[in-house]
Amino acid sequence: MTPNEKCNRRSYKMKQHLEGIRVVDLTAYLSGPYASMNLAAMGAEVVQIARPGVGDPCRWNPPFAGPHGVSFERKDDTDISILYLKRNRNKKSIFLDLQKEKGKDLLGRLIEKSDIVLENFTPGVMDRLGFSYERLAEINPRIIYCSISCYGQEGQFKTRSAFDLTVQATSGIMGLTGFQDGPPVRCGAWIGDMLSSLYSDIGILSALVSRERTGKGERIDVAMNDACFSV
């Protein structure tokens, strides 16, 4: 068998199991974008909602790739963050100002025609914006609403903002890495962000199966700290 024949045998299209499913993605950084990236890879239509003038902060993280090659300095608008491209491939994006009524109206109309809402704001932010699960379930009873936060939607720590490094510490994972007589060391990978995203995908896929039986969506609460505890 020639190398070309071997290559052709490996060239197959992955089944798009989530084709026809629309995801409204209100997440940024990694916990959330990694989850929606996986959903997009399975065929879902992912629409990323970004803040005007800023977008996902990862857009500004080096290295950048463009017509000039790869560089750690962004030369112009043609340079795009490789990190951003890696986490947000196969997605659409739209800028909406959710502090204005027009932006809120457009988001509401989009959610009305969607299947999944994914967000990773600090608990309470979506409620203040007028997009609580209860309200969205009224306009779209089939909506699956997944929230990723550091410590969950309930409990005394729910309003505490944190990042992957923080939950690696609070969950004890940092105490399991490094040398025995040395200080705690964070994992090389962003394990809190990635684990919570994977658990979100599991919850979302389970909710889609449940919706086929009940006709109704549901709310999914994923805490990064809990995800780290699981390992």
C-alpha atoms as a PDB file:
ATOM      1  CA  MET A   1       0.000   0.000   0.000  1.00  0.00           C
ATOM      2  CA  THR A   2       1.380   3.385  -1.009  1.00  0.00           C
ATOM      3  CA  PRO A   3       1.599   6.348   1.415  1.00  0.00           C
ATOM      4  CA  ASN A   4      -1.155   8.092  -0.567  1.00  0.00           C
ATOM      5  CA  GLU A   5      -3.464   5.099  -0.226  1.00  0.00           C
ATOM      6  CA  LYS A   6      -2.823   5.007   3.521  1.00  0.00           C
ATOM      7  CA  CYS A   7      -3.621   8.717   3.745  1.00  0.00           C
ATOM      8  CA  ASN A   8      -6.860   8.281   1.796  1.00  0.00           C
ATOM      9  CA  ARG A   9      -7.966   5.451   4.049  1.00  0.00           C
ATOM     10  CA  ARG A  10      -7.561   7.735   7.066  1.00  0.00           C
ATOM     11  CA  SER A  11      -9.448  10.592   5.411  1.00  0.00           C
ATOM     12  CA  TYR A  12     -12.982  10.270   6.721  1.00  0.00           C
ATOM     13  CA  LYS A  13     -15.462  12.773   8.002  1.00  0.00           C
ATOM     14  CA  MET A  14     -16.370  12.534  11.647  1.00  0.00           C
ATOM     15  CA  LYS A  15     -20.099  12.100  12.190  1.00  0.00           C
ATOM     16  CA  GLN A  16     -21.770  15.375  13.117  1.00  0.00           C
ATOM     17  CA  HIS A  17     -23.949  14.002  15.907  1.00  0.00           C
ATOM     18  CA  LEU A  18     -25.025  17.468  17.080  1.00  0.00           C
ATOM     19  CA  GLU A  19     -25.887  18.835  13.651  1.00  0.00           C
ATOM     20  CA  GLY A  20     -28.957  21.066  13.979  1.00  0.00           C
ATOM     21  CA  ILE A  21     -28.206  21.949  17.621  1.00  0.00           C
ATOM     22  CA  ARG A  22     -27.499  25.627  18.303  1.00  0.00           C
ATOM     23  CA  VAL A  23     -25.388  26.776  21.253  1.00  0.00           C
ATOM     24  CA  VAL A  24     -25.359  30.345  22.560  1.00  0.00           C
ATOM     25  CA  ASP A  25     -21.898  30.691  24.072  1.00  0.00           C
ATOM     26  CA  LEU A  26     -21.449  33.476  26.638  1.00  0.00           C
ATOM     27  CA  THR A  27     -18.135  32.184  27.964  1.00  0.00           C
ATOM     28  CA  ALA A  28     -14.559  33.475  27.812  1.00  0.00           C
ATOM     29  CA  TYR A  29     -11.013  32.341  28.612  1.00  0.00           C
ATOM     30  CA  LEU A  30     -10.944  28.494  28.780  1.00  0.00           C
ATOM     31  CA  SER A  31     -13.639  27.133  31.111  1.00  0.00           C
ATOM     32  CA  GLY A  32     -16.528  27.285  28.691  1.00  0.00           C
ATOM     33  CA  PRO A  33     -14.819  27.943  25.354  1.00  0.00           C
ATOM     34  CA  TYR A  34     -13.222  24.501  25.648  1.00  0.00           C
ATOM     35  CA  ALA A  35     -16.672  22.990  26.258  1.00  0.00           C
ATOM     36  CA  SER A  36     -18.276  24.758  23.300  1.00  0.00           C
ATOM     37  CA  MET A  37     -15.266  23.879  21.130  1.00  0.00           C
ATOM     38  CA  ASN A  38     -16.018  20.202  21.753  1.00  0.00           C
ATOM     39  CA  LEU A  39     -19.709  20.707  20.977  1.00  0.00           C
ATOM     40  CA  ALA A  40     -18.781  22.446  17.728  1.00  0.00           C
ATOM     41  CA  ALA A  41     -16.493  19.536  16.842  1.00  0.00           C
ATOM     42  CA  MET A  42     -19.537  17.266  17.174  1.00  0.00           C
ATOM     43  CA  GLY A  43     -21.479  19.374  14.695  1.00  0.00           C
ATOM     44  CA  ALA A  44     -23.281  21.929  16.852  1.00  0.00           C
ATOM     45  CA  GLU A  45     -23.674  25.491  15.616  1.00  0.00           C
ATOM     46  CA  VAL A  46     -21.918  27.584  18.258  1.00  0.00           C
ATOM     47  CA  VAL A  47     -22.595  31.321  18.349  1.00  0.00           C
ATOM     48  CA  GLN A  48     -20.135  33.109  20.618  1.00  0.00           C
ATOM     49  CA  ILE A  49     -21.474  36.290  22.218  1.00  0.00           C
ATOM     50  CA  ALA A  50     -18.625  38.764  22.691  1.00  0.00           C
ATOM     51  CA  ARG A  51     -18.297  42.152  24.348  1.00  0.00           C
ATOM     52  CA  PRO A  52     -17.925  44.993  21.817  1.00  0.00           C
ATOM     53  CA  GLY A  53     -14.381  46.289  21.467  1.00  0.00           C
ATOM     54  CA  VAL A  54     -12.910  43.495  23.571  1.00  0.00           C
ATOM     55  CA  GLY A  55     -14.288  40.104  22.608  1.00  0.00           C
ATOM     56  CA  ASP A  56     -12.800  37.082  24.294  1.00  0.00           C
ATOM     57  CA  PRO A  57      -9.698  38.322  26.189  1.00  0.00           C
ATOM     58  CA  CYS A  58      -7.781  35.424  24.635  1.00  0.00           C
ATOM     59  CA  ARG A  59      -7.844  37.371  21.368  1.00  0.00           C
ATOM     60  CA  TRP A  60      -5.003  39.476  22.772  1.00  0.00           C
ATOM     61  CA  ASN A  61      -2.802  36.641  24.043  1.00  0.00           C
ATOM     62  CA  PRO A  62       0.418  35.877  22.112  1.00  0.00           C
ATOM     63  CA  PRO A  63       1.680  34.279  19.981  1.00  0.00           C
ATOM     64  CA  PHE A  64      -0.093  35.721  16.950  1.00  0.00           C
ATOM     65  CA  ALA A  65      -0.303  34.365  13.411  1.00  0.00           C
ATOM     66  CA  GLY A  66      -0.927  36.322  10.236  1.00  0.00           C
ATOM     67  CA  PRO A  67       0.437  37.242   6.807  1.00  0.00           C
ATOM     68  CA  HIS A  68       3.717  38.260   8.463  1.00  0.00           C
ATOM     69  CA  GLY A  69       4.188  34.850  10.075  1.00  0.00           C
ATOM     70  CA  VAL A  70       4.169  34.020  13.789  1.00  0.00           C
ATOM     71  CA  SER A  71       5.147  36.673  16.318  1.00  0.00           C
ATOM     72  CA  PHE A  72       4.785  37.493  20.000  1.00  0.00           C
ATOM     73  CA  GLU A  73       3.831  41.043  19.004  1.00  0.00           C
ATOM     74  CA  ARG A  74       0.520  41.843  17.320  1.00  0.00           C
ATOM     75  CA  LYS A  75       1.431  43.995  14.319  1.00  0.00           C
ATOM     76  CA  ASP A  76      -2.037  44.792  12.966  1.00  0.00           C
ATOM     77  CA  ASP A  77      -5.614  43.501  12.698  1.00  0.00           C
ATOM     78  CA  THR A  78      -4.540  40.674  10.403  1.00  0.00           C
ATOM     79  CA  ASP A  79      -2.653  39.026  13.276  1.00  0.00           C
ATOM     80  CA  ILE A  80      -4.839  36.617  15.254  1.00  0.00           C
ATOM     81  CA  SER A  81      -4.026  34.926  18.552  1.00  0.00           C
ATOM     82  CA  ILE A  82      -3.145  31.270  18.045  1.00  0.00           C
ATOM     83  CA  LEU A  83      -4.541  30.545  21.505  1.00  0.00           C
ATOM     84  CA  TYR A  84      -7.861  32.132  20.512  1.00  0.00           C
ATOM     85  CA  LEU A  85      -7.994  30.162  17.262  1.00  0.00           C
ATOM     86  CA  LYS A  86      -7.198  26.939  19.084  1.00  0.00           C
ATOM     87  CA  ARG A  87     -10.033  27.349  21.590  1.00  0.00           C
ATOM     88  CA  ASN A  88     -12.652  28.840  19.293  1.00  0.00           C
ATOM     89  CA  ARG A  89     -12.384  26.946  16.039  1.00  0.00           C
ATOM     90  CA  ASN A  90     -15.603  26.096  14.183  1.00  0.00           C
ATOM     91  CA  LYS A  91     -17.531  28.845  15.989  1.00  0.00           C
ATOM     92  CA  LYS A  92     -19.415  31.907  14.847  1.00  0.00           C
ATOM     93  CA  SER A  93     -19.225  35.118  16.860  1.00  0.00           C
ATOM     94  CA  ILE A  94     -21.250  38.266  17.287  1.00  0.00           C
ATOM     95  CA  PHE A  95     -20.642  41.406  19.346  1.00  0.00           C
ATOM     96  CA  LEU A  96     -23.563  42.323  21.618  1.00  0.00           C
ATOM     97  CA  ASP A  97     -23.654  45.007  24.308  1.00  0.00           C
ATOM     98  CA  LEU A  98     -25.683  43.346  27.058  1.00  0.00           C
ATOM     99  CA  GLN A  99     -25.760  46.597  29.026  1.00  0.00           C
ATOM    100  CA  LYS A 100     -28.128  48.003  26.408  1.00  0.00           C
ATOM    101  CA  GLU A 101     -31.715  46.984  25.719  1.00  0.00           C
ATOM    102  CA  LYS A 102     -31.071  46.383  22.025  1.00  0.00           C
ATOM    103  CA  GLY A 103     -28.314  43.907  22.842  1.00  0.00           C
ATOM    104  CA  LYS A 104     -30.501  42.142  25.391  1.00  0.00           C
ATOM    105  CA  ASP A 105     -33.381  41.964  22.932  1.00  0.00           C
ATOM    106  CA  LEU A 106     -31.193  40.407  20.243  1.00  0.00           C
ATOM    107  CA  LEU A 107     -29.779  37.870  22.693  1.00  0.00           C
ATOM    108  CA  GLY A 108     -33.273  36.934  23.879  1.00  0.00           C
ATOM    109  CA  ARG A 109     -34.442  36.377  20.320  1.00  0.00           C
ATOM    110  CA  LEU A 110     -31.398  34.225  19.594  1.00  0.00           C
ATOM    111  CA  ILE A 111     -31.926  32.106  22.714  1.00  0.00           C
ATOM    112  CA  GLU A 112     -35.576  31.625  21.778  1.00  0.00           C
ATOM    113  CA  LYS A 113     -34.377  29.775  18.664  1.00  0.00           C
ATOM    114  CA  SER A 114     -31.500  27.898  20.312  1.00  0.00           C
ATOM    115  CA  ASP A 115     -31.015  24.661  22.223  1.00  0.00           C
ATOM    116  CA  ILE A 116     -28.224  25.396  24.685  1.00  0.00           C
ATOM    117  CA  VAL A 117     -26.989  28.403  26.660  1.00  0.00           C
ATOM    118  CA  LEU A 118     -23.475  28.148  28.085  1.00  0.00           C
ATOM    119  CA  GLU A 119     -22.143  30.818  30.461  1.00  0.00           C
ATOM    120  CA  ASN A 120     -19.272  31.221  32.914  1.00  0.00           C
ATOM    121  CA  PHE A 121     -20.040  34.518  34.619  1.00  0.00           C
ATOM    122  CA  THR A 122     -19.800  34.873  38.387  1.00  0.00           C
ATOM    123  CA  PRO A 123     -23.121  33.588  39.812  1.00  0.00           C
ATOM    124  CA  GLY A 124     -25.725  36.347  39.827  1.00  0.00           C
ATOM    125  CA  VAL A 125     -24.513  38.209  36.733  1.00  0.00           C
ATOM    126  CA  MET A 126     -26.893  36.465  34.332  1.00  0.00           C
ATOM    127  CA  ASP A 127     -29.796  37.126  36.707  1.00  0.00           C
ATOM    128  CA  ARG A 128     -28.949  40.829  36.870  1.00  0.00           C
ATOM    129  CA  LEU A 129     -28.777  40.989  33.087  1.00  0.00           C
ATOM    130  CA  GLY A 130     -32.272  39.523  32.944  1.00  0.00           C
ATOM    131  CA  PHE A 131     -31.268  36.105  31.637  1.00  0.00           C
ATOM    132  CA  SER A 132     -31.903  33.800  34.577  1.00  0.00           C
ATOM    133  CA  TYR A 133     -32.731  30.178  33.841  1.00  0.00           C
ATOM    134  CA  GLU A 134     -36.293  30.733  35.042  1.00  0.00           C
ATOM    135  CA  ARG A 135     -36.858  33.549  32.561  1.00  0.00           C
ATOM    136  CA  LEU A 136     -35.243  31.731  29.649  1.00  0.00           C
ATOM    137  CA  ALA A 137     -37.245  28.580  30.395  1.00  0.00           C
ATOM    138  CA  GLU A 138     -40.394  30.670  30.004  1.00  0.00           C
ATOM    139  CA  ILE A 139     -39.486  31.871  26.517  1.00  0.00           C
ATOM    140  CA  ASN A 140     -37.956  28.537  25.490  1.00  0.00           C
ATOM    141  CA  PRO A 141     -39.000  25.536  27.636  1.00  0.00           C
ATOM    142  CA  ARG A 142     -36.577  23.291  25.728  1.00  0.00           C
ATOM    143  CA  ILE A 143     -33.500  25.361  26.567  1.00  0.00           C
ATOM    144  CA  ILE A 144     -30.572  23.617  28.279  1.00  0.00           C
ATOM    145  CA  TYR A 145     -28.810  26.156  30.497  1.00  0.00           C
ATOM    146  CA  CYS A 146     -25.277  25.274  31.620  1.00  0.00           C
ATOM    147  CA  SER A 147     -23.416  27.468  34.102  1.00  0.00           C
ATOM    148  CA  ILE A 148     -19.708  27.054  34.851  1.00  0.00           C
ATOM    149  CA  SER A 149     -18.354  28.863  37.897  1.00  0.00           C
ATOM    150  CA  CYS A 150     -15.552  28.432  40.386  1.00  0.00           C
ATOM    151  CA  TYR A 151     -17.576  27.213  43.358  1.00  0.00           C
ATOM    152  CA  GLY A 152     -21.077  26.586  42.005  1.00  0.00           C
ATOM    153  CA  GLN A 153     -24.358  28.500  41.973  1.00  0.00           C
ATOM    154  CA  GLU A 154     -25.139  27.825  45.645  1.00  0.00           C
ATOM    155  CA  GLY A 155     -23.211  28.015  48.911  1.00  0.00           C
ATOM    156  CA  GLN A 156     -21.166  30.576  50.813  1.00  0.00           C
ATOM    157  CA  PHE A 157     -18.408  30.824  48.190  1.00  0.00           C
ATOM    158  CA  LYS A 158     -20.645  31.210  45.131  1.00  0.00           C
ATOM    159  CA  THR A 159     -19.870  34.909  44.567  1.00  0.00           C
ATOM    160  CA  ARG A 160     -16.108  34.458  44.806  1.00  0.00           C
ATOM    161  CA  SER A 161     -14.361  34.973  41.501  1.00  0.00           C
ATOM    162  CA  ALA A 162     -11.358  32.792  40.769  1.00  0.00           C
ATOM    163  CA  PHE A 163      -9.325  31.240  37.998  1.00  0.00           C
ATOM    164  CA  ASP A 164      -7.807  27.843  37.321  1.00  0.00           C
ATOM    165  CA  LEU A 165      -4.823  28.486  39.595  1.00  0.00           C
ATOM    166  CA  THR A 166      -7.130  29.302  42.515  1.00  0.00           C
ATOM    167  CA  VAL A 167      -9.216  26.141  42.263  1.00  0.00           C
ATOM    168  CA  GLN A 168      -6.118  24.015  41.795  1.00  0.00           C
ATOM    169  CA  ALA A 169      -5.100  25.305  45.220  1.00  0.00           C
ATOM    170  CA  THR A 170      -8.485  25.108  46.990  1.00  0.00           C
ATOM    171  CA  SER A 171      -9.218  21.620  45.640  1.00  0.00           C
ATOM    172  CA  GLY A 172      -5.859  20.272  46.806  1.00  0.00           C
ATOM    173  CA  ILE A 173      -4.517  19.337  43.383  1.00  0.00           C
ATOM    174  CA  MET A 174      -1.472  21.568  43.886  1.00  0.00           C
ATOM    175  CA  GLY A 175      -0.677  19.591  47.025  1.00  0.00           C
ATOM    176  CA  LEU A 176      -0.342  16.442  44.918  1.00  0.00           C
ATOM    177  CA  THR A 177       2.216  17.842  42.494  1.00  0.00           C
ATOM    178  CA  GLY A 178       5.814  18.894  42.883  1.00  0.00           C
ATOM    179  CA  PHE A 179       8.427  17.320  45.135  1.00  0.00           C
ATOM    180  CA  GLN A 180       7.556  15.757  48.483  1.00  0.00           C
ATOM    181  CA  ASP A 181       9.551  18.285  50.505  1.00  0.00           C
ATOM    182  CA  GLY A 182       8.780  21.235  48.257  1.00  0.00           C
ATOM    183  CA  PRO A 183       5.930  23.729  47.983  1.00  0.00           C
ATOM    184  CA  PRO A 184       2.650  22.999  46.167  1.00  0.00           C
ATOM    185  CA  VAL A 185       2.955  23.256  42.385  1.00  0.00           C
ATOM    186  CA  ARG A 186       0.213  23.905  39.841  1.00  0.00           C
ATOM    187  CA  CYS A 187      -0.346  21.360  37.103  1.00  0.00           C
ATOM    188  CA  GLY A 188       1.173  22.215  33.765  1.00  0.00           C
ATOM    189  CA  ALA A 189      -2.241  22.051  32.080  1.00  0.00           C
ATOM    190  CA  TRP A 190      -5.212  24.255  32.989  1.00  0.00           C
ATOM    191  CA  ILE A 191      -6.862  21.244  34.545  1.00  0.00           C
ATOM    192  CA  GLY A 192      -9.611  23.113  36.426  1.00  0.00           C
ATOM    193  CA  ASP A 193     -10.781  24.872  33.286  1.00  0.00           C
ATOM    194  CA  MET A 194     -10.583  21.763  31.136  1.00  0.00           C
ATOM    195  CA  LEU A 195     -12.194  19.343  33.584  1.00  0.00           C
ATOM    196  CA  SER A 196     -15.129  21.673  34.219  1.00  0.00           C
ATOM    197  CA  SER A 197     -15.595  22.046  30.466  1.00  0.00           C
ATOM    198  CA  LEU A 198     -15.601  18.284  29.957  1.00  0.00           C
ATOM    199  CA  TYR A 199     -18.102  17.769  32.779  1.00  0.00           C
ATOM    200  CA  SER A 200     -20.239  20.475  31.174  1.00  0.00           C
ATOM    201  CA  ASP A 201     -20.192  18.578  27.895  1.00  0.00           C
ATOM    202  CA  ILE A 202     -21.246  15.390  29.670  1.00  0.00           C
ATOM    203  CA  GLY A 203     -24.100  17.230  31.394  1.00  0.00           C
ATOM    204  CA  ILE A 204     -25.229  18.901  28.173  1.00  0.00           C
ATOM    205  CA  LEU A 205     -25.215  15.661  26.182  1.00  0.00           C
ATOM    206  CA  SER A 206     -27.155  13.929  28.972  1.00  0.00           C
ATOM    207  CA  ALA A 207     -29.677  16.778  29.029  1.00  0.00           C
ATOM    208  CA  LEU A 208     -30.159  16.499  25.261  1.00  0.00           C
ATOM    209  CA  VAL A 209     -31.004  12.803  25.658  1.00  0.00           C
ATOM    210  CA  SER A 210     -33.375  13.604  28.537  1.00  0.00           C
ATOM    211  CA  ARG A 211     -35.062  16.319  26.470  1.00  0.00           C
ATOM    212  CA  GLU A 212     -35.908  13.773  23.785  1.00  0.00           C
ATOM    213  CA  ARG A 213     -37.935  11.921  26.412  1.00  0.00           C
ATOM    214  CA  THR A 214     -39.473  14.812  28.338  1.00  0.00           C
ATOM    215  CA  GLY A 215     -39.588  17.631  25.790  1.00  0.00           C
ATOM    216  CA  LYS A 216     -38.105  19.972  28.393  1.00  0.00           C
ATOM    217  CA  GLY A 217     -34.674  21.449  28.985  1.00  0.00           C
ATOM    218  CA  GLU A 218     -32.925  21.769  32.326  1.00  0.00           C
ATOM    219  CA  ARG A 219     -30.270  23.642  34.250  1.00  0.00           C
ATOM    220  CA  ILE A 220     -26.742  22.324  34.710  1.00  0.00           C
ATOM    221  CA  ASP A 221     -24.468  23.676  37.450  1.00  0.00           C
ATOM    222  CA  VAL A 222     -20.755  22.876  37.084  1.00  0.00           C
ATOM    223  CA  ALA A 223     -18.199  24.051  39.644  1.00  0.00           C
ATOM    224  CA  MET A 224     -14.518  24.091  38.720  1.00  0.00           C
ATOM    225  CA  ASN A 225     -13.611  23.269  42.314  1.00  0.00           C
ATOM    226  CA  ASP A 226     -15.841  20.181  42.289  1.00  0.00           C
ATOM    227  CA  ALA A 227     -14.390  19.085  38.955  1.00  0.00           C
ATOM    228  CA  CYS A 228     -10.900  19.198  40.463  1.00  0.00           C
ATOM    229  CA  PHE A 229     -12.073  17.295  43.543  1.00  0.00           C
ATOM    230  CA  SER A 230     -13.199  14.460  41.262  1.00  0.00           C
ATOM    231  CA  VAL A 231      -9.627  13.608  40.317  1.00  0.00           C
END
